[in-house]
Amino acid sequence: MEELLCKAYDLLHRLGATANYKGFSYAAYAMALCAQRPELLLLVTKDLYPEVAKQYRTTWKAVERNIRTLVAMIWTRNPDLLGQIAGGPLEERPRSAEFLAITAADLRRGD
């Protein structure tokens, strides 16, 4: 898990995210979890966000909101790289769950 977290931090930095956003840590942890257990992407609000919230002692709604904010920031800073990682250009900003699916798949490819 530690190696996946490091890769997630690196990927987020390459996408233009900075650690001063709460969503940075939440997203990195969620990405690492999804890279290990892709089935978490099927029920993000029921399974994934509560697991991340438990790790950081917050609510699943705060996790979702902060990841959504981070995705919006990444979309304004580096949409081309995000599209590259996704395998093709993205027409619009991905939803949080889509972002996590894209980035978790990239982490899995890196293994």
Protein backbone atom coordinates (compact mmCIF):
# COMPACT_ATOMS: atom_id res chain seq x y z
CA MET A 1 0.00 0.00 0.00
CA GLU A 2 2.83 2.40 0.86
CA GLU A 3 4.32 2.07 -2.63
CA LEU A 4 0.94 2.74 -4.25
CA LEU A 5 0.49 5.81 -2.05
CA CYS A 6 3.86 7.17 -3.15
CA LYS A 7 2.93 6.58 -6.79
CA ALA A 8 -0.42 8.28 -6.21
CA TYR A 9 1.28 11.34 -4.66
CA ASP A 10 3.65 11.50 -7.63
CA LEU A 11 0.81 11.25 -10.13
CA LEU A 12 -1.17 13.98 -8.39
CA HIS A 13 1.91 16.24 -8.40
CA ARG A 14 2.40 15.62 -12.13
CA LEU A 15 -1.23 16.57 -12.68
CA GLY A 16 -0.60 19.90 -10.93
CA ALA A 17 -2.16 19.14 -7.56
CA THR A 18 -0.54 20.37 -4.39
CA ALA A 19 -0.63 18.90 -0.90
CA ASN A 20 -2.20 22.01 0.61
CA TYR A 21 -5.61 20.72 -0.55
CA LYS A 22 -7.31 18.31 1.85
CA GLY A 23 -8.49 16.41 -1.18
CA PHE A 24 -4.87 15.64 -2.09
CA SER A 25 -4.43 13.09 0.71
CA TYR A 26 -7.98 11.80 0.36
CA ALA A 27 -7.57 11.28 -3.39
CA ALA A 28 -4.16 9.63 -3.05
CA TYR A 29 -5.48 7.17 -0.47
CA ALA A 30 -8.61 6.49 -2.56
CA MET A 31 -6.50 5.97 -5.69
CA ALA A 32 -4.25 3.49 -3.88
CA LEU A 33 -7.26 1.61 -2.46
CA CYS A 34 -8.88 1.41 -5.90
CA ALA A 35 -5.64 0.25 -7.49
CA GLN A 36 -5.60 -2.62 -4.97
CA ARG A 37 -9.35 -3.27 -4.99
CA PRO A 38 -11.02 -2.02 -8.21
CA GLU A 39 -14.42 -3.23 -6.99
CA LEU A 40 -14.49 -0.21 -4.65
CA LEU A 41 -15.19 1.93 -7.73
CA LEU A 42 -18.60 0.27 -8.10
CA LEU A 43 -20.01 1.86 -4.94
CA VAL A 44 -17.90 4.90 -4.14
CA THR A 45 -20.34 6.57 -1.75
CA LYS A 46 -21.22 3.34 0.03
CA ASP A 47 -17.78 1.70 0.26
CA LEU A 48 -14.86 3.83 -0.90
CA TYR A 49 -15.58 7.26 0.59
CA PRO A 50 -16.51 5.84 4.02
CA GLU A 51 -13.25 3.86 4.08
CA VAL A 52 -11.23 6.97 3.24
CA ALA A 53 -13.23 8.98 5.79
CA LYS A 54 -12.46 6.45 8.49
CA GLN A 55 -8.73 6.68 7.72
CA TYR A 56 -8.77 10.50 8.03
CA ARG A 57 -11.42 10.75 10.76
CA THR A 58 -13.88 12.78 8.74
CA THR A 59 -17.17 12.20 6.92
CA TRP A 60 -17.67 10.57 3.55
CA LYS A 61 -19.33 13.79 2.35
CA ALA A 62 -16.19 15.78 3.22
CA VAL A 63 -14.09 13.23 1.34
CA GLU A 64 -16.29 13.48 -1.76
CA ARG A 65 -16.40 17.29 -1.65
CA ASN A 66 -12.64 17.66 -1.22
CA ILE A 67 -11.83 15.18 -3.98
CA ARG A 68 -14.31 16.97 -6.26
CA THR A 69 -12.55 20.28 -5.52
CA LEU A 70 -9.17 18.70 -6.27
CA VAL A 71 -10.42 17.26 -9.57
CA ALA A 72 -11.75 20.69 -10.58
CA MET A 73 -8.37 22.26 -9.83
CA ILE A 74 -6.52 19.56 -11.80
CA TRP A 75 -8.93 19.99 -14.70
CA THR A 76 -8.13 23.71 -14.93
CA ARG A 77 -4.34 23.17 -14.61
CA ASN A 78 -3.64 20.06 -16.65
CA PRO A 79 -6.56 18.62 -18.63
CA ASP A 80 -4.26 17.38 -21.41
CA LEU A 81 -2.20 15.15 -19.12
CA LEU A 82 -5.35 13.84 -17.49
CA GLY A 83 -6.65 12.98 -20.96
CA GLN A 84 -3.38 11.26 -21.79
CA ILE A 85 -3.65 9.15 -18.66
CA ALA A 86 -7.28 8.37 -19.52
CA GLY A 87 -6.22 7.12 -22.95
CA GLY A 88 -7.74 9.92 -24.99
CA PRO A 89 -8.96 13.50 -24.80
CA LEU A 90 -11.67 14.22 -22.25
CA GLU A 91 -14.52 16.42 -23.43
CA GLU A 92 -15.47 17.55 -19.96
CA ARG A 93 -14.20 17.42 -16.41
CA PRO A 94 -14.51 13.89 -15.04
CA ARG A 95 -16.65 13.25 -12.01
CA SER A 96 -14.77 12.24 -8.87
CA ALA A 97 -15.42 8.53 -9.35
CA GLU A 98 -14.29 8.74 -12.99
CA PHE A 99 -11.12 10.54 -11.93
CA LEU A 100 -10.39 7.84 -9.37
CA ALA A 101 -11.01 5.11 -11.96
CA ILE A 102 -8.65 6.79 -14.44
CA THR A 103 -5.88 7.36 -11.93
CA ALA A 104 -6.21 3.97 -10.20
CA ALA A 105 -5.91 2.26 -13.58
CA ASP A 106 -2.74 4.25 -14.22
CA LEU A 107 -1.33 3.15 -10.86
CA ARG A 108 -2.11 -0.48 -11.70
CA ARG A 109 -0.37 -0.17 -15.08
CA GLY A 110 2.69 1.14 -13.27
CA ASP A 111 3.03 -2.02 -11.15
